[in-house]
Amino acid sequence: MSAEQINAALIALGAEPTVEPGARPEEPQGNARLRLLGSLLAKAEVEITAATRLSEEGEIEDVLDTMLGWTDQLRHDPGLAVNVLTNRLQRTAIQVSESDTDEPPPGREASFAAAMTALYTLSAQLHADRGDVEGTRRALSGAEEALIDTMQGMHDLRVAIGDSDTEDEGPQE
């Protein structure tokens, strides 16, 4: 998909991106293409969110319908599907860690680590499927470290709301 096609899709969806000063909107190139794809992805996610019912039962049905459309696009290439999932986990980790403060709040830190746990675990499975034992070990180590960070962040959040007596106790079972 070219930058011009992505820009046309955004315009058709009423989500024309703002143009950087000096840039010609009809000729986006290089990183501009990725930025346009990010805009298109955000627009699609907003539309999905707006169309998803907020009742527990309805929401699950809507998510499943969305997944059917996703699967229709990627069912013929399982490798590409896993790459898309990996990319989504990376974006999620980065987006959830964004904060207006120098140090993200503990809930965001824990959420970042949880996304990274999923990313590393998926990566470990991919390495294992290829018979790459060392790659599997490295990815599992990353998953284990991220899981510890998830638990620590959850504990820190409990401390912040007064559910724990001391910060030095560490995560409780």
Protein backbone atom coordinates (compact mmCIF):
# COMPACT_ATOMS: atom_id res chain seq x y z
CA MET A 1 0.00 0.00 0.00
CA SER A 2 1.51 3.30 -1.06
CA ALA A 3 1.50 6.48 0.97
CA GLU A 4 -0.88 7.97 -1.55
CA GLN A 5 -3.35 5.09 -1.10
CA ILE A 6 -3.14 5.38 2.68
CA ASN A 7 -3.71 9.14 2.50
CA ALA A 8 -6.71 8.58 0.20
CA ALA A 9 -8.16 6.04 2.66
CA LEU A 10 -7.77 8.52 5.52
CA ILE A 11 -9.46 11.25 3.49
CA ALA A 12 -12.30 8.86 2.61
CA LEU A 13 -12.75 8.10 6.32
CA GLY A 14 -12.79 11.79 7.20
CA ALA A 15 -9.50 11.49 9.05
CA GLU A 16 -7.17 13.48 6.83
CA PRO A 17 -3.88 13.86 8.71
CA THR A 18 -2.42 17.24 9.46
CA VAL A 19 0.42 18.15 7.15
CA GLU A 20 3.81 19.13 8.50
CA PRO A 21 4.98 22.60 7.42
CA GLY A 22 6.82 22.41 4.12
CA ALA A 23 5.57 18.91 3.32
CA ARG A 24 3.43 18.32 0.26
CA PRO A 25 0.41 16.22 1.30
CA GLU A 26 0.12 14.59 -2.11
CA GLU A 27 3.64 13.14 -1.91
CA PRO A 28 4.27 11.59 1.53
CA GLN A 29 7.43 9.49 1.62
CA GLY A 30 9.66 7.46 3.92
CA ASN A 31 8.63 7.72 7.56
CA ALA A 32 5.58 9.70 6.49
CA ARG A 33 4.15 6.44 5.11
CA LEU A 34 4.50 4.76 8.51
CA ARG A 35 2.97 7.80 10.20
CA LEU A 36 0.03 7.65 7.78
CA LEU A 37 -0.38 3.93 8.49
CA GLY A 38 -0.41 4.74 12.20
CA SER A 39 -3.14 7.31 11.56
CA LEU A 40 -5.14 4.77 9.58
CA LEU A 41 -4.71 2.19 12.33
CA ALA A 42 -5.84 4.69 14.98
CA LYS A 43 -8.91 5.60 12.90
CA ALA A 44 -9.79 1.90 12.48
CA GLU A 45 -9.34 1.28 16.22
CA VAL A 46 -11.51 4.29 17.10
CA GLU A 47 -14.22 3.09 14.70
CA ILE A 48 -14.10 -0.43 16.17
CA THR A 49 -14.28 0.96 19.69
CA ALA A 50 -17.23 3.21 18.79
CA ALA A 51 -19.05 0.27 17.19
CA THR A 52 -18.43 -2.12 20.10
CA ARG A 53 -21.31 -2.46 22.53
CA LEU A 54 -20.45 -1.81 26.14
CA SER A 55 -22.47 -4.66 27.63
CA GLU A 56 -20.40 -7.63 28.63
CA GLU A 57 -22.32 -10.04 26.40
CA GLY A 58 -22.59 -7.70 23.42
CA GLU A 59 -19.00 -6.58 23.68
CA ILE A 60 -17.70 -10.15 23.38
CA GLU A 61 -19.87 -10.76 20.30
CA ASP A 62 -18.64 -7.53 18.71
CA VAL A 63 -15.01 -8.37 19.44
CA LEU A 64 -15.49 -11.83 17.92
CA ASP A 65 -17.04 -10.29 14.79
CA THR A 66 -14.06 -7.95 14.54
CA MET A 67 -11.73 -10.92 14.93
CA LEU A 68 -13.48 -12.71 12.06
CA GLY A 69 -12.67 -9.76 9.80
CA TRP A 70 -9.07 -9.77 11.04
CA THR A 71 -8.80 -13.50 10.42
CA ASP A 72 -10.26 -13.13 6.92
CA GLN A 73 -7.36 -10.83 6.04
CA LEU A 74 -4.57 -12.98 7.53
CA ARG A 75 -5.74 -16.61 7.51
CA HIS A 76 -3.65 -17.54 4.49
CA ASP A 77 -0.39 -16.44 6.08
CA PRO A 78 0.03 -17.64 9.68
CA GLY A 79 3.56 -16.20 9.84
CA LEU A 80 2.26 -12.76 8.92
CA ALA A 81 -0.50 -13.10 11.51
CA VAL A 82 2.09 -13.73 14.23
CA ASN A 83 4.17 -10.78 13.00
CA VAL A 84 1.07 -8.57 13.22
CA LEU A 85 0.44 -9.76 16.78
CA THR A 86 4.06 -9.14 17.75
CA ASN A 87 3.93 -5.64 16.28
CA ARG A 88 0.66 -4.94 18.12
CA LEU A 89 2.18 -6.05 21.43
CA GLN A 90 5.18 -3.78 20.86
CA ARG A 91 2.93 -0.80 20.09
CA THR A 92 0.74 -1.57 23.09
CA ALA A 93 3.73 -1.74 25.43
CA ILE A 94 5.06 1.60 24.20
CA GLN A 95 1.66 3.31 24.20
CA VAL A 96 0.70 2.10 27.67
CA SER A 97 4.02 3.27 29.14
CA GLU A 98 3.60 6.83 27.86
CA SER A 99 3.09 9.21 30.75
CA ASP A 100 3.18 12.93 31.39
CA THR A 101 5.60 12.35 34.26
CA ASP A 102 9.27 11.34 34.24
CA GLU A 103 8.39 8.09 35.98
CA PRO A 104 5.18 6.40 34.84
CA PRO A 105 2.73 5.47 37.61
CA PRO A 106 2.99 1.87 38.88
CA GLY A 107 -0.14 0.72 37.07
CA ARG A 108 1.29 1.85 33.75
CA GLU A 109 4.64 0.25 34.56
CA ALA A 110 2.88 -3.03 35.38
CA SER A 111 0.79 -2.82 32.20
CA PHE A 112 3.91 -2.16 30.12
CA ALA A 113 5.62 -5.18 31.70
CA ALA A 114 2.53 -7.36 31.14
CA ALA A 115 2.52 -6.48 27.43
CA MET A 116 6.24 -7.22 27.28
CA THR A 117 5.62 -10.56 29.04
CA ALA A 118 3.17 -11.48 26.29
CA LEU A 119 5.59 -10.29 23.59
CA TYR A 120 8.53 -12.26 24.97
CA THR A 121 6.40 -15.36 25.54
CA LEU A 122 5.10 -15.27 21.97
CA SER A 123 8.66 -14.77 20.77
CA ALA A 124 9.82 -17.75 22.84
CA GLN A 125 7.19 -19.93 21.19
CA LEU A 126 8.26 -18.76 17.74
CA HIS A 127 11.89 -19.60 18.52
CA ALA A 128 10.86 -22.99 19.90
CA ASP A 129 8.79 -23.71 16.77
CA ARG A 130 11.91 -23.07 14.68
CA GLY A 131 14.06 -25.26 16.93
CA ASP A 132 16.10 -22.27 18.13
CA VAL A 133 16.84 -23.31 21.71
CA GLU A 134 19.08 -20.31 22.52
CA GLY A 135 16.54 -17.85 21.12
CA THR A 136 13.83 -19.58 23.15
CA ARG A 137 15.94 -19.27 26.31
CA ARG A 138 16.64 -15.56 25.72
CA ALA A 139 12.97 -14.82 25.09
CA LEU A 140 11.89 -16.82 28.15
CA SER A 141 14.39 -14.89 30.28
CA GLY A 142 12.89 -11.65 29.01
CA ALA A 143 9.38 -12.93 29.76
CA GLU A 144 10.38 -13.93 33.28
CA GLU A 145 11.96 -10.54 33.98
CA ALA A 146 8.92 -8.74 32.59
CA LEU A 147 6.61 -10.93 34.68
CA ILE A 148 8.55 -9.99 37.82
CA ASP A 149 8.24 -6.32 36.81
CA THR A 150 4.48 -6.80 36.32
CA MET A 151 4.11 -8.23 39.81
CA GLN A 152 6.29 -5.49 41.32
CA GLY A 153 4.25 -2.79 39.59
CA MET A 154 1.02 -4.33 40.86
CA HIS A 155 2.46 -4.44 44.36
CA ASP A 156 3.61 -0.81 44.10
CA LEU A 157 0.09 0.17 43.07
CA ARG A 158 -1.33 -1.66 46.10
CA VAL A 159 1.12 0.25 48.30
CA ALA A 160 0.04 3.51 46.64
CA ILE A 161 -3.62 2.89 47.54
CA GLY A 162 -2.81 1.74 51.06
CA ASP A 163 -3.47 -2.00 50.66
CA SER A 164 0.01 -2.91 51.88
CA ASP A 165 1.76 -1.82 55.07
CA THR A 166 5.25 -1.45 53.68
CA GLU A 167 6.90 -0.87 50.34
CA ASP A 168 9.78 -3.20 51.19
CA GLU A 169 7.69 -6.37 51.58
CA GLY A 170 7.73 -7.25 47.90
CA PRO A 171 4.84 -8.89 46.02
CA GLN A 172 2.57 -11.03 48.21
CA GLU A 173 1.11 -14.35 47.16
